[in-house]
Amino acid sequence: MRLARYPVHRLIQDLMADPEGAAAFACDPEPVFAKYGLNEEERAALRDGTPAALIALRVHPNLQMKYRRIKDPAATAGPGPLAEYLHCLIEEG
């Protein structure tokens, strides 16, 4: 399986290493897209950010997870379904 073009992976790795850059990217990704020379197909897939779009772009699975955290940090900040379920069990018990 052929992976995404190197600039897409490099962009995600660079954003993971730069929290301030990631925050700016979450607000306005276009300057970052231009910096990495992404084509319109890559930009559209990254704007969408859904697993299906990232798979179609052939982004490595580990980087898909990291990208979703960068794109929407609020969605990953709260407890997950397992933590919520365990909390309910403890309260009932």
N, C-alpha and C. Protein backbone atom coordinates (compact mmCIF):
# COMPACT_ATOMS: atom_id res chain seq x y z
N MET A 1 0.84 -1.18 0.00
CA MET A 1 0.00 0.00 0.00
C MET A 1 0.89 1.24 0.00
N ARG A 2 0.59 2.15 -0.88
CA ARG A 2 1.35 3.39 -0.98
C ARG A 2 0.83 4.39 0.05
N LEU A 3 1.70 5.02 0.79
CA LEU A 3 1.28 5.99 1.80
C LEU A 3 1.09 7.37 1.18
N ALA A 4 0.53 8.27 1.97
CA ALA A 4 0.33 9.64 1.52
C ALA A 4 1.68 10.26 1.16
N ARG A 5 1.61 11.30 0.36
CA ARG A 5 2.84 12.01 0.02
C ARG A 5 3.54 12.45 1.31
N TYR A 6 4.82 12.47 1.28
CA TYR A 6 5.62 12.82 2.45
C TYR A 6 5.21 14.14 3.11
N PRO A 7 4.90 15.21 2.36
CA PRO A 7 4.55 16.48 3.03
C PRO A 7 3.35 16.36 3.97
N VAL A 8 2.40 15.49 3.69
CA VAL A 8 1.24 15.33 4.58
C VAL A 8 1.71 14.75 5.91
N HIS A 9 2.53 13.72 5.86
CA HIS A 9 3.04 13.13 7.09
C HIS A 9 3.93 14.11 7.85
N ARG A 10 4.76 14.83 7.12
CA ARG A 10 5.65 15.81 7.75
C ARG A 10 4.83 16.91 8.44
N LEU A 11 3.76 17.38 7.79
CA LEU A 11 2.90 18.40 8.37
C LEU A 11 2.34 17.92 9.71
N ILE A 12 1.81 16.72 9.75
CA ILE A 12 1.21 16.19 10.99
C ILE A 12 2.28 16.04 12.07
N GLN A 13 3.43 15.52 11.72
CA GLN A 13 4.50 15.35 12.70
C GLN A 13 4.98 16.70 13.24
N ASP A 14 5.10 17.68 12.36
CA ASP A 14 5.53 19.01 12.79
C ASP A 14 4.50 19.65 13.72
N LEU A 15 3.22 19.48 13.41
CA LEU A 15 2.18 20.05 14.27
C LEU A 15 2.15 19.37 15.64
N MET A 16 2.44 18.09 15.69
CA MET A 16 2.48 17.39 16.98
C MET A 16 3.61 17.92 17.85
N ALA A 17 4.69 18.37 17.24
CA ALA A 17 5.83 18.88 17.98
C ALA A 17 5.68 20.36 18.35
N ASP A 18 4.69 21.03 17.80
CA ASP A 18 4.52 22.48 18.00
C ASP A 18 3.08 22.78 18.43
N PRO A 19 2.79 22.76 19.74
CA PRO A 19 1.42 23.01 20.20
C PRO A 19 0.85 24.36 19.77
N GLU A 20 1.69 25.40 19.75
CA GLU A 20 1.20 26.71 19.31
C GLU A 20 0.84 26.69 17.83
N GLY A 21 1.68 26.05 17.04
CA GLY A 21 1.40 25.91 15.61
C GLY A 21 0.14 25.09 15.37
N ALA A 22 -0.06 24.06 16.19
CA ALA A 22 -1.26 23.23 16.07
C ALA A 22 -2.51 24.02 16.40
N ALA A 23 -2.42 24.87 17.41
CA ALA A 23 -3.58 25.70 17.77
C ALA A 23 -3.90 26.68 16.65
N ALA A 24 -2.88 27.27 16.05
CA ALA A 24 -3.10 28.18 14.93
C ALA A 24 -3.67 27.42 13.73
N PHE A 25 -3.18 26.21 13.50
CA PHE A 25 -3.67 25.38 12.41
C PHE A 25 -5.14 25.05 12.60
N ALA A 26 -5.56 24.75 13.82
CA ALA A 26 -6.96 24.42 14.09
C ALA A 26 -7.87 25.60 13.74
N CYS A 27 -7.38 26.83 13.91
CA CYS A 27 -8.17 28.02 13.58
C CYS A 27 -8.17 28.32 12.08
N ASP A 28 -7.01 28.22 11.45
CA ASP A 28 -6.88 28.53 10.03
C ASP A 28 -5.79 27.67 9.40
N PRO A 29 -6.16 26.55 8.77
CA PRO A 29 -5.15 25.64 8.24
C PRO A 29 -4.52 26.08 6.91
N GLU A 30 -5.12 27.03 6.21
CA GLU A 30 -4.66 27.37 4.85
C GLU A 30 -3.19 27.79 4.77
N PRO A 31 -2.68 28.64 5.69
CA PRO A 31 -1.26 28.99 5.58
C PRO A 31 -0.33 27.77 5.72
N VAL A 32 -0.72 26.83 6.56
CA VAL A 32 0.10 25.63 6.74
C VAL A 32 0.04 24.76 5.48
N PHE A 33 -1.15 24.64 4.90
CA PHE A 33 -1.29 23.88 3.65
C PHE A 33 -0.38 24.47 2.57
N ALA A 34 -0.36 25.79 2.48
CA ALA A 34 0.48 26.45 1.47
C ALA A 34 1.96 26.22 1.76
N LYS A 35 2.34 26.29 3.03
CA LYS A 35 3.74 26.09 3.41
C LYS A 35 4.25 24.71 2.99
N TYR A 36 3.39 23.69 3.09
CA TYR A 36 3.79 22.33 2.75
C TYR A 36 3.50 21.97 1.30
N GLY A 37 2.94 22.89 0.54
CA GLY A 37 2.72 22.67 -0.89
C GLY A 37 1.71 21.57 -1.20
N LEU A 38 0.66 21.49 -0.39
CA LEU A 38 -0.35 20.44 -0.58
C LEU A 38 -1.26 20.78 -1.75
N ASN A 39 -1.65 19.75 -2.51
CA ASN A 39 -2.58 19.97 -3.61
C ASN A 39 -4.01 20.03 -3.07
N GLU A 40 -4.96 20.35 -3.92
CA GLU A 40 -6.34 20.55 -3.47
C GLU A 40 -6.96 19.27 -2.90
N GLU A 41 -6.62 18.11 -3.47
CA GLU A 41 -7.15 16.83 -2.94
C GLU A 41 -6.68 16.61 -1.50
N GLU A 42 -5.40 16.86 -1.25
CA GLU A 42 -4.85 16.70 0.09
C GLU A 42 -5.47 17.71 1.05
N ARG A 43 -5.62 18.94 0.60
CA ARG A 43 -6.22 19.98 1.45
C ARG A 43 -7.66 19.62 1.81
N ALA A 44 -8.42 19.16 0.83
CA ALA A 44 -9.82 18.80 1.09
C ALA A 44 -9.92 17.65 2.08
N ALA A 45 -9.07 16.66 1.94
CA ALA A 45 -9.10 15.51 2.86
C ALA A 45 -8.72 15.94 4.27
N LEU A 46 -7.72 16.80 4.39
CA LEU A 46 -7.31 17.26 5.71
C LEU A 46 -8.34 18.21 6.32
N ARG A 47 -8.99 19.03 5.49
CA ARG A 47 -10.08 19.88 6.02
C ARG A 47 -11.20 19.02 6.57
N ASP A 48 -11.55 17.96 5.83
CA ASP A 48 -12.60 17.04 6.25
C ASP A 48 -12.17 16.33 7.54
N GLY A 49 -11.00 15.73 7.52
CA GLY A 49 -10.44 15.12 8.72
C GLY A 49 -11.10 13.84 9.20
N THR A 50 -12.09 13.34 8.49
CA THR A 50 -12.75 12.11 8.92
C THR A 50 -11.84 10.93 8.64
N PRO A 51 -12.05 9.83 9.36
CA PRO A 51 -11.22 8.66 9.09
C PRO A 51 -11.27 8.23 7.63
N ALA A 52 -12.44 8.26 7.02
CA ALA A 52 -12.56 7.86 5.61
C ALA A 52 -11.72 8.75 4.70
N ALA A 53 -11.73 10.06 4.95
CA ALA A 53 -10.95 10.99 4.12
C ALA A 53 -9.45 10.75 4.30
N LEU A 54 -9.03 10.51 5.53
CA LEU A 54 -7.61 10.27 5.78
C LEU A 54 -7.16 8.93 5.22
N ILE A 55 -8.03 7.94 5.27
CA ILE A 55 -7.70 6.64 4.68
C ILE A 55 -7.59 6.78 3.17
N ALA A 56 -8.51 7.51 2.56
CA ALA A 56 -8.46 7.73 1.11
C ALA A 56 -7.17 8.45 0.71
N LEU A 57 -6.69 9.30 1.58
CA LEU A 57 -5.45 10.03 1.33
C LEU A 57 -4.22 9.17 1.64
N ARG A 58 -4.45 8.02 2.26
CA ARG A 58 -3.41 7.06 2.64
C ARG A 58 -2.48 7.60 3.72
N VAL A 59 -3.07 8.28 4.70
CA VAL A 59 -2.30 8.75 5.84
C VAL A 59 -2.10 7.55 6.77
N HIS A 60 -0.90 7.40 7.28
CA HIS A 60 -0.57 6.29 8.18
C HIS A 60 -1.54 6.29 9.37
N PRO A 61 -2.01 5.11 9.82
CA PRO A 61 -2.99 5.05 10.92
C PRO A 61 -2.58 5.78 12.19
N ASN A 62 -1.31 5.70 12.59
CA ASN A 62 -0.88 6.43 13.79
C ASN A 62 -1.01 7.94 13.60
N LEU A 63 -0.69 8.39 12.40
CA LEU A 63 -0.79 9.83 12.13
C LEU A 63 -2.24 10.27 11.99
N GLN A 64 -3.12 9.38 11.56
CA GLN A 64 -4.54 9.73 11.51
C GLN A 64 -5.05 10.09 12.90
N MET A 65 -4.70 9.27 13.87
CA MET A 65 -5.13 9.51 15.24
C MET A 65 -4.56 10.84 15.77
N LYS A 66 -3.30 11.08 15.49
CA LYS A 66 -2.67 12.32 15.93
C LYS A 66 -3.30 13.52 15.24
N TYR A 67 -3.60 13.39 13.96
CA TYR A 67 -4.20 14.50 13.22
C TYR A 67 -5.58 14.85 13.77
N ARG A 68 -6.37 13.84 14.10
CA ARG A 68 -7.70 14.11 14.66
C ARG A 68 -7.59 14.85 15.98
N ARG A 69 -6.56 14.56 16.78
CA ARG A 69 -6.34 15.29 18.03
C ARG A 69 -5.96 16.74 17.76
N ILE A 70 -5.19 16.98 16.72
CA ILE A 70 -4.79 18.34 16.37
C ILE A 70 -5.99 19.12 15.83
N LYS A 71 -6.73 18.48 14.94
CA LYS A 71 -7.84 19.15 14.26
C LYS A 71 -8.95 19.55 15.23
N ASP A 72 -9.25 18.69 16.20
CA ASP A 72 -10.32 18.97 17.14
C ASP A 72 -9.91 18.56 18.55
N PRO A 73 -9.08 19.39 19.21
CA PRO A 73 -8.58 19.01 20.53
C PRO A 73 -9.69 18.88 21.57
N ALA A 74 -10.77 19.62 21.43
CA ALA A 74 -11.87 19.54 22.40
C ALA A 74 -12.55 18.18 22.38
N ALA A 75 -12.64 17.57 21.23
CA ALA A 75 -13.32 16.28 21.11
C ALA A 75 -12.54 15.17 21.82
N THR A 76 -11.25 15.30 21.92
CA THR A 76 -10.44 14.26 22.55
C THR A 76 -10.07 14.61 23.98
N ALA A 77 -10.47 15.79 24.47
CA ALA A 77 -10.07 16.22 25.80
C ALA A 77 -10.88 15.55 26.91
N GLY A 78 -12.12 15.25 26.63
CA GLY A 78 -12.99 14.68 27.66
C GLY A 78 -12.79 13.19 27.83
N PRO A 79 -13.49 12.64 28.83
CA PRO A 79 -13.38 11.19 29.04
C PRO A 79 -14.02 10.43 27.88
N GLY A 80 -13.48 9.30 27.59
CA GLY A 80 -14.02 8.47 26.53
C GLY A 80 -15.19 7.64 27.02
N PRO A 81 -15.84 6.91 26.13
CA PRO A 81 -16.99 6.10 26.50
C PRO A 81 -16.67 5.07 27.60
N LEU A 82 -15.48 4.47 27.56
CA LEU A 82 -15.13 3.49 28.58
C LEU A 82 -15.03 4.14 29.95
N ALA A 83 -14.39 5.30 30.03
CA ALA A 83 -14.26 6.01 31.30
C ALA A 83 -15.63 6.40 31.84
N GLU A 84 -16.53 6.85 30.96
CA GLU A 84 -17.88 7.21 31.39
C GLU A 84 -18.63 5.98 31.90
N TYR A 85 -18.47 4.86 31.23
CA TYR A 85 -19.12 3.62 31.63
C TYR A 85 -18.61 3.15 32.98
N LEU A 86 -17.31 3.18 33.17
CA LEU A 86 -16.74 2.78 34.44
C LEU A 86 -17.19 3.69 35.58
N HIS A 87 -17.28 4.97 35.31
CA HIS A 87 -17.76 5.93 36.31
C HIS A 87 -19.19 5.60 36.73
N CYS A 88 -20.03 5.24 35.76
CA CYS A 88 -21.42 4.86 36.08
C CYS A 88 -21.45 3.60 36.94
N LEU A 89 -20.61 2.65 36.67
CA LEU A 89 -20.57 1.41 37.46
C LEU A 89 -20.14 1.69 38.90
N ILE A 90 -19.18 2.57 39.06
CA ILE A 90 -18.70 2.89 40.41
C ILE A 90 -19.78 3.62 41.20
N GLU A 91 -20.51 4.54 40.55
CA GLU A 91 -21.57 5.28 41.24
C GLU A 91 -22.71 4.37 41.66
N GLU A 92 -23.06 3.38 40.81
CA GLU A 92 -24.17 2.48 41.10
C GLU A 92 -23.80 1.46 42.17
N GLY A 93 -22.53 1.12 42.24
CA GLY A 93 -22.08 0.03 43.13
C GLY A 93 -21.95 0.43 44.53
